[in-house]
């Protein structure tokens, strides 16, 4: 690198940053240094590179740039109450600090905030990368000029444009729940699924349980209660479904726990419940799938920072999806039963 620096008439540090495609180095300078390096026959030594990574990891990383965390919930701070968005943010914050980045939060529904103004704000704050939180409903954000930033989205709720995504592996997550419940002796396993949630995860939850039904005796199959859960939902629909199909255990989200409470049914006294995304807001002791959003958030930072260092901006030609495995979190809502 010293030889390249002397030939290019720059510092060794500038050469080091250029060879690592660091955003602090201008495109013109980077291109000139790379041309000199090629003329001199430079080839990186992987053993030296590994040594330098080890040395750098043992000391604090200097500040690099800011990343934006875009949310679109009902209020500017509502994401802090959303279990997925809040856990993902904490994972992002920790990882960003490790690699020298800071995270600023922006609310897409800020009064007077349209996508054109948002782009201006992000530029003025010297934002280099954007991480989009899960949207309340699956939606498109094509109007924003994404060409200026390295970007990754959390989950599957951004319909368009198709960006790099980091998410929990929902299909494997549902399969893990089913295996755990079978191990506990449950045979008639029901699922209460909100249409909105299923759409946001590309219907992977219901697809998994449909495949599961093909592999079990017909007498143990419980049809999915597939409803749009919300203020207009009548809990009597749930009561009728339980009475008709008599599930041993029900898989669902907080909405399921809420409607069971409305019906005066206790968990696990009257019915066992496995939660699709613990920890539950309504009942922190409930059993279920921990979707590992702390690690998903950390992986999102790694993904967007890698793009920044490679100087990759805008909509990718071939978007990648990184899926992380969740794990079963034991609680008191699935005590098990005799087969």
Protein backbone atom coordinates (compact mmCIF):
# COMPACT_ATOMS: atom_id res chain seq x y z
CA UNK A 1 0.00 0.00 0.00
CA UNK A 2 2.95 2.34 0.67
CA UNK A 3 4.19 1.75 -2.89
CA UNK A 4 0.72 2.49 -4.30
CA UNK A 5 0.46 5.62 -2.14
CA UNK A 6 3.78 6.96 -3.43
CA UNK A 7 2.83 6.27 -7.06
CA UNK A 8 -0.64 7.83 -6.66
CA UNK A 9 0.68 10.74 -4.53
CA UNK A 10 -1.77 10.09 -1.69
CA UNK A 11 -1.47 8.86 1.88
CA UNK A 12 -1.34 5.18 2.84
CA UNK A 13 -4.62 5.67 4.73
CA UNK A 14 -6.29 6.95 1.55
CA UNK A 15 -5.07 3.87 -0.31
CA UNK A 16 -6.37 1.61 2.46
CA UNK A 17 -9.80 3.23 2.37
CA UNK A 18 -9.94 3.16 -1.43
CA UNK A 19 -9.07 -0.53 -1.60
CA UNK A 20 -11.87 -1.20 0.91
CA UNK A 21 -14.30 0.88 -1.20
CA UNK A 22 -14.95 3.22 1.73
CA UNK A 23 -17.61 5.92 1.09
CA UNK A 24 -15.32 8.66 2.45
CA UNK A 25 -13.16 8.41 -0.68
CA UNK A 26 -14.48 10.14 -3.79
CA UNK A 27 -15.19 8.08 -6.87
CA UNK A 28 -12.51 9.88 -8.91
CA UNK A 29 -9.78 9.34 -6.31
CA UNK A 30 -10.83 5.73 -5.79
CA UNK A 31 -10.72 5.00 -9.51
CA UNK A 32 -7.24 6.56 -9.83
CA UNK A 33 -5.86 4.55 -6.90
CA UNK A 34 -7.36 1.30 -8.18
CA UNK A 35 -5.83 1.95 -11.62
CA UNK A 36 -2.39 2.50 -10.07
CA UNK A 37 -2.81 -0.63 -7.94
CA UNK A 38 -3.67 -2.68 -11.01
CA UNK A 39 -0.66 -1.31 -12.93
CA UNK A 40 1.61 -2.26 -10.03
CA UNK A 41 0.16 -5.77 -9.90
CA UNK A 42 -1.37 -5.38 -6.44
CA UNK A 43 -3.21 -8.44 -5.10
CA UNK A 44 -4.65 -8.55 -1.58
CA UNK A 45 -3.13 -11.17 0.73
CA UNK A 46 -6.04 -12.94 2.49
CA UNK A 47 -3.87 -13.86 5.48
CA UNK A 48 -2.83 -10.24 6.01
CA UNK A 49 -6.44 -9.13 5.53
CA UNK A 50 -7.59 -11.55 8.22
CA UNK A 51 -4.84 -10.30 10.54
CA UNK A 52 -5.89 -6.67 10.03
CA UNK A 53 -9.54 -7.54 10.70
CA UNK A 54 -8.45 -9.16 13.97
CA UNK A 55 -6.36 -6.12 14.94
CA UNK A 56 -9.17 -3.67 14.12
CA UNK A 57 -11.74 -5.75 16.02
CA UNK A 58 -9.68 -5.36 19.19
CA UNK A 59 -9.98 -1.58 19.24
CA UNK A 60 -12.93 0.84 19.04
CA UNK A 61 -14.18 1.54 15.52
CA UNK A 62 -14.23 5.27 14.67
CA UNK A 63 -17.45 6.94 13.58
CA UNK A 64 -18.30 6.15 9.95
CA UNK A 65 -21.73 7.56 9.06
CA UNK A 66 -25.43 7.62 9.98
CA UNK A 67 -28.11 5.12 9.03
CA UNK A 68 -31.84 5.86 8.88
CA UNK A 69 -34.52 3.68 10.47
CA UNK A 70 -37.81 4.47 8.69
CA UNK A 71 -41.08 3.63 10.47
CA UNK A 72 -44.71 4.07 9.40
CA UNK A 73 -46.80 3.18 12.46
CA UNK A 74 -49.65 5.28 13.88
CA UNK A 75 -47.39 7.74 15.69
CA UNK A 76 -43.74 8.76 15.68
CA UNK A 77 -42.91 6.62 18.74
CA UNK A 78 -45.38 3.77 18.19
CA UNK A 79 -42.56 1.55 16.92
CA UNK A 80 -41.20 1.45 20.47
CA UNK A 81 -44.34 -0.44 21.53
CA UNK A 82 -44.24 -2.78 18.53
CA UNK A 83 -42.41 -5.97 19.60
CA UNK A 84 -40.82 -6.62 16.20
CA UNK A 85 -39.77 -3.05 15.41
CA UNK A 86 -38.45 -2.39 18.92
CA UNK A 87 -36.42 -5.62 19.18
CA UNK A 88 -35.04 -5.15 15.67
CA UNK A 89 -34.00 -1.60 16.52
CA UNK A 90 -32.13 -2.74 19.62
CA UNK A 91 -30.27 -5.34 17.57
CA UNK A 92 -29.52 -2.69 14.96
CA UNK A 93 -28.29 -0.18 17.53
CA UNK A 94 -25.88 -2.62 19.15
CA UNK A 95 -24.45 -3.80 15.84
CA UNK A 96 -24.21 -0.26 14.43
CA UNK A 97 -22.18 0.87 17.44
CA UNK A 98 -19.81 -2.06 16.91
CA UNK A 99 -19.04 -0.99 13.34
CA UNK A 100 -18.97 2.79 13.88
CA UNK A 101 -22.43 3.83 12.69
CA UNK A 102 -25.25 5.75 14.36
CA UNK A 103 -28.97 5.26 13.72
CA UNK A 104 -31.50 8.08 13.29
CA UNK A 105 -35.23 7.32 13.33
CA UNK A 106 -37.64 8.93 10.88
CA UNK A 107 -41.45 8.70 10.82
CA UNK A 108 -42.90 8.45 7.33
CA UNK A 109 -46.24 9.87 8.48
CA UNK A 110 -44.79 13.03 10.03
CA UNK A 111 -47.20 15.95 9.29
CA UNK A 112 -46.05 17.61 6.09
CA UNK A 113 -43.65 14.76 5.35
CA UNK A 114 -43.92 13.39 1.84
CA UNK A 115 -41.35 11.19 0.13
CA UNK A 116 -39.77 14.14 -1.69
CA UNK A 117 -39.21 16.00 1.56
CA UNK A 118 -37.99 12.82 3.23
CA UNK A 119 -35.29 12.44 0.56
CA UNK A 120 -34.19 16.03 1.19
CA UNK A 121 -34.04 15.45 4.95
CA UNK A 122 -32.03 12.25 4.56
CA UNK A 123 -29.53 14.03 2.31
CA UNK A 124 -29.19 16.94 4.72
CA UNK A 125 -28.47 14.52 7.58
CA UNK A 126 -25.77 12.77 5.51
CA UNK A 127 -27.60 9.45 5.71
CA UNK A 128 -25.67 6.74 3.89
CA UNK A 129 -27.96 3.75 4.42
CA UNK A 130 -31.66 3.14 5.03
CA UNK A 131 -33.32 0.35 7.01
CA UNK A 132 -37.08 0.16 6.57
CA UNK A 133 -39.06 -1.16 9.54
CA UNK A 134 -41.93 -3.61 8.93
CA UNK A 135 -44.89 -1.65 7.53
CA UNK A 136 -48.26 -1.82 9.36
CA UNK A 137 -49.74 -3.11 6.10
CA UNK A 138 -48.05 -4.48 3.00
CA UNK A 139 -47.48 -1.49 0.70
CA UNK A 140 -45.36 0.00 -2.09
CA UNK A 141 -42.95 2.95 -1.81
CA UNK A 142 -41.99 3.43 -5.44
CA UNK A 143 -42.21 7.23 -5.29
CA UNK A 144 -39.00 7.61 -3.27
CA UNK A 145 -35.77 7.97 -5.28
CA UNK A 146 -33.90 5.06 -3.71
CA UNK A 147 -30.83 5.57 -5.93
CA UNK A 148 -29.10 7.69 -3.28
CA UNK A 149 -28.87 5.11 -0.49
CA UNK A 150 -27.90 1.59 0.38
CA UNK A 151 -31.11 -0.02 1.60
CA UNK A 152 -32.49 -3.09 3.34
CA UNK A 153 -36.02 -3.85 4.54
CA UNK A 154 -37.09 -5.82 7.60
CA UNK A 155 -39.65 -8.50 6.82
CA UNK A 156 -41.74 -8.87 3.68
CA UNK A 157 -44.19 -5.98 3.94
CA UNK A 158 -42.56 -3.77 1.27
CA UNK A 159 -44.21 -4.96 -1.93
CA UNK A 160 -42.37 -2.64 -4.29
CA UNK A 161 -39.64 -1.87 -5.11
CA UNK A 162 -37.99 -5.19 -4.31
CA UNK A 163 -35.04 -4.51 -2.02
CA UNK A 164 -32.62 -6.69 -0.09
CA UNK A 165 -34.55 -8.14 2.84
CA UNK A 166 -33.67 -9.53 6.24
CA UNK A 167 -36.35 -11.44 8.09
CA UNK A 168 -37.23 -14.37 10.27
CA UNK A 169 -37.67 -17.67 8.42
CA UNK A 170 -41.42 -17.86 8.99
CA UNK A 171 -41.95 -21.21 7.30
CA UNK A 172 -39.31 -22.90 9.46
CA UNK A 173 -40.68 -21.04 12.46
CA UNK A 174 -44.16 -22.47 12.01
CA UNK A 175 -42.70 -25.93 11.41
CA UNK A 176 -40.75 -25.63 14.68
CA UNK A 177 -43.95 -24.76 16.58
CA UNK A 178 -45.76 -27.75 15.10
CA UNK A 179 -42.92 -30.12 16.04
CA UNK A 180 -42.75 -28.79 19.60
CA UNK A 181 -46.49 -29.11 20.10
CA UNK A 182 -46.46 -32.67 18.78
CA UNK A 183 -43.64 -33.50 21.21
CA UNK A 184 -45.86 -32.21 24.02
CA UNK A 185 -48.62 -34.61 22.99
CA UNK A 186 -50.92 -32.21 21.14
CA UNK A 187 -52.57 -33.75 18.09
CA UNK A 188 -55.38 -31.41 17.05
CA UNK A 189 -53.44 -28.21 16.43
CA UNK A 190 -55.44 -25.17 15.33
CA UNK A 191 -54.30 -21.87 13.83
CA UNK A 192 -56.06 -18.52 14.12
CA UNK A 193 -54.57 -16.25 11.46
CA UNK A 194 -55.21 -12.61 10.63
CA UNK A 195 -55.41 -12.06 6.86
CA UNK A 196 -53.27 -8.92 7.17
CA UNK A 197 -50.48 -10.73 9.03
CA UNK A 198 -50.50 -13.68 6.63
CA UNK A 199 -50.24 -11.35 3.64
CA UNK A 200 -47.28 -9.53 5.23
CA UNK A 201 -45.31 -12.80 5.54
CA UNK A 202 -46.05 -14.01 2.00
CA UNK A 203 -48.60 -16.51 3.38
CA UNK A 204 -45.81 -18.71 4.74
CA UNK A 205 -47.57 -19.51 8.02
CA UNK A 206 -50.72 -20.86 6.38
CA UNK A 207 -48.69 -22.56 3.61
CA UNK A 208 -46.70 -24.45 6.24
CA UNK A 209 -49.71 -25.67 8.16
CA UNK A 210 -51.42 -26.68 4.88
CA UNK A 211 -48.43 -28.90 4.13
CA UNK A 212 -48.54 -30.24 7.69
CA UNK A 213 -52.17 -31.27 7.23
CA UNK A 214 -51.16 -33.45 4.27
CA UNK A 215 -48.88 -35.45 6.56
CA UNK A 216 -51.25 -36.17 9.45
CA UNK A 217 -54.38 -38.32 9.73
CA UNK A 218 -57.52 -36.50 8.49
CA UNK A 219 -59.15 -36.91 11.93
CA UNK A 220 -56.47 -34.61 13.44
CA UNK A 221 -56.76 -31.82 10.89
CA UNK A 222 -58.19 -28.55 12.24
CA UNK A 223 -59.08 -26.01 9.52
CA UNK A 224 -57.45 -22.59 9.88
CA UNK A 225 -59.68 -19.85 11.28
CA UNK A 226 -58.73 -17.27 8.68
CA UNK A 227 -60.22 -13.91 9.61
CA UNK A 228 -59.42 -10.21 9.57
CA UNK A 229 -59.00 -9.69 13.30
CA UNK A 230 -59.77 -6.22 14.59
CA UNK A 231 -62.45 -4.06 16.22
CA UNK A 232 -65.15 -5.52 13.96
CA UNK A 233 -64.26 -9.14 14.71
CA UNK A 234 -66.95 -11.00 16.65
CA UNK A 235 -65.37 -13.28 19.32
CA UNK A 236 -68.38 -15.59 18.93
CA UNK A 237 -66.84 -16.70 15.61
CA UNK A 238 -63.84 -17.95 17.56
CA UNK A 239 -66.06 -19.65 20.14
CA UNK A 240 -68.05 -21.44 17.42
CA UNK A 241 -64.83 -22.59 15.70
CA UNK A 242 -63.43 -23.98 18.97
CA UNK A 243 -66.70 -25.77 19.79
CA UNK A 244 -66.96 -27.30 16.32
CA UNK A 245 -63.34 -28.42 15.78
CA UNK A 246 -62.18 -28.94 19.39
CA UNK A 247 -58.48 -28.13 19.00
CA UNK A 248 -56.06 -29.31 21.71
CA UNK A 249 -53.99 -26.17 21.26
CA UNK A 250 -54.29 -22.99 19.21
CA UNK A 251 -51.47 -21.09 17.49
CA UNK A 252 -51.92 -17.34 17.15
CA UNK A 253 -50.83 -13.81 18.02
CA UNK A 254 -51.88 -11.39 20.76
CA UNK A 255 -55.26 -10.94 19.07
CA UNK A 256 -56.04 -14.59 19.87
CA UNK A 257 -55.19 -14.08 23.56
CA UNK A 258 -57.35 -10.95 23.63
CA UNK A 259 -60.42 -12.67 22.14
CA UNK A 260 -60.04 -15.66 24.44
CA UNK A 261 -60.12 -13.21 27.34
CA UNK A 262 -63.29 -11.66 25.86
CA UNK A 263 -64.86 -15.11 25.82
CA UNK A 264 -63.88 -15.70 29.46
CA UNK A 265 -61.59 -18.60 28.54
CA UNK A 266 -58.43 -19.14 30.57
CA UNK A 267 -55.02 -20.16 29.19
CA UNK A 268 -54.00 -22.94 29.60
CA UNK A 269 -56.95 -23.98 31.81
CA UNK A 270 -59.55 -24.00 29.05
CA UNK A 271 -57.28 -24.07 26.03
CA UNK A 272 -53.52 -24.26 25.40
CA UNK A 273 -51.98 -21.51 23.26
CA UNK A 274 -48.70 -21.21 21.33
CA UNK A 275 -47.74 -17.67 20.33
CA UNK A 276 -46.32 -16.90 16.87
CA UNK A 277 -44.07 -14.11 18.12
CA UNK A 278 -43.01 -14.11 21.77
CA UNK A 279 -42.60 -12.16 23.93
CA UNK A 280 -46.30 -11.42 23.98
CA UNK A 281 -47.43 -7.93 24.96
CA UNK A 282 -50.56 -9.28 26.66
CA UNK A 283 -48.93 -12.22 28.44
CA UNK A 284 -45.11 -12.36 28.76
CA UNK A 285 -45.34 -15.91 30.16
CA UNK A 286 -46.90 -17.45 27.05
CA UNK A 287 -45.03 -20.19 25.14
CA UNK A 288 -44.15 -19.86 21.51
CA UNK A 289 -41.80 -18.87 18.74
CA UNK A 290 -39.12 -16.27 19.39
CA UNK A 291 -38.45 -14.91 15.91
CA UNK A 292 -35.00 -13.65 16.93
CA UNK A 293 -35.55 -10.06 15.83
CA UNK A 294 -32.51 -8.90 17.79
CA UNK A 295 -30.31 -10.88 15.40
CA UNK A 296 -32.45 -9.88 12.42
CA UNK A 297 -31.77 -6.23 13.29
CA UNK A 298 -28.03 -6.88 13.58
CA UNK A 299 -28.04 -8.70 10.23
CA UNK A 300 -29.86 -5.73 8.65
CA UNK A 301 -27.03 -3.41 9.72
CA UNK A 302 -24.41 -5.82 8.37
CA UNK A 303 -26.29 -5.98 5.06
CA UNK A 304 -26.63 -2.23 4.57
CA UNK A 305 -23.08 -1.45 5.76
CA UNK A 306 -21.66 -4.01 3.32
CA UNK A 307 -23.51 -2.21 0.51
CA UNK A 308 -22.11 1.14 1.65
CA UNK A 309 -18.54 -0.17 1.55
CA UNK A 310 -19.13 -1.65 -1.91
CA UNK A 311 -20.66 1.67 -3.02
CA UNK A 312 -23.91 -0.07 -3.98
CA UNK A 313 -26.87 2.28 -4.03
CA UNK A 314 -30.45 2.07 -5.21
CA UNK A 315 -32.69 -0.80 -6.22
CA UNK A 316 -30.65 -4.00 -6.68
CA UNK A 317 -30.90 -6.00 -9.88
CA UNK A 318 -31.11 -9.25 -7.93
CA UNK A 319 -32.51 -8.60 -4.44
CA UNK A 320 -31.32 -10.99 -1.75
CA UNK A 321 -33.35 -12.30 1.18
CA UNK A 322 -31.54 -13.28 4.38
CA UNK A 323 -33.67 -15.44 6.69
CA UNK A 324 -32.66 -16.12 10.28
CA UNK A 325 -33.92 -19.04 12.33
CA UNK A 326 -36.06 -18.48 15.42
CA UNK A 327 -36.28 -20.69 18.50
CA UNK A 328 -38.92 -22.13 20.82
CA UNK A 329 -39.37 -20.19 24.06
CA UNK A 330 -40.95 -22.23 26.81
CA UNK A 331 -43.75 -20.71 28.88
CA UNK A 332 -46.81 -21.68 30.83
CA UNK A 333 -49.40 -21.74 28.07
CA UNK A 334 -48.51 -25.18 26.61
CA UNK A 335 -48.11 -27.58 29.55
CA UNK A 336 -48.52 -30.62 27.29
CA UNK A 337 -50.95 -33.51 27.41
CA UNK A 338 -51.01 -37.29 27.18
CA UNK A 339 -51.18 -38.62 23.62
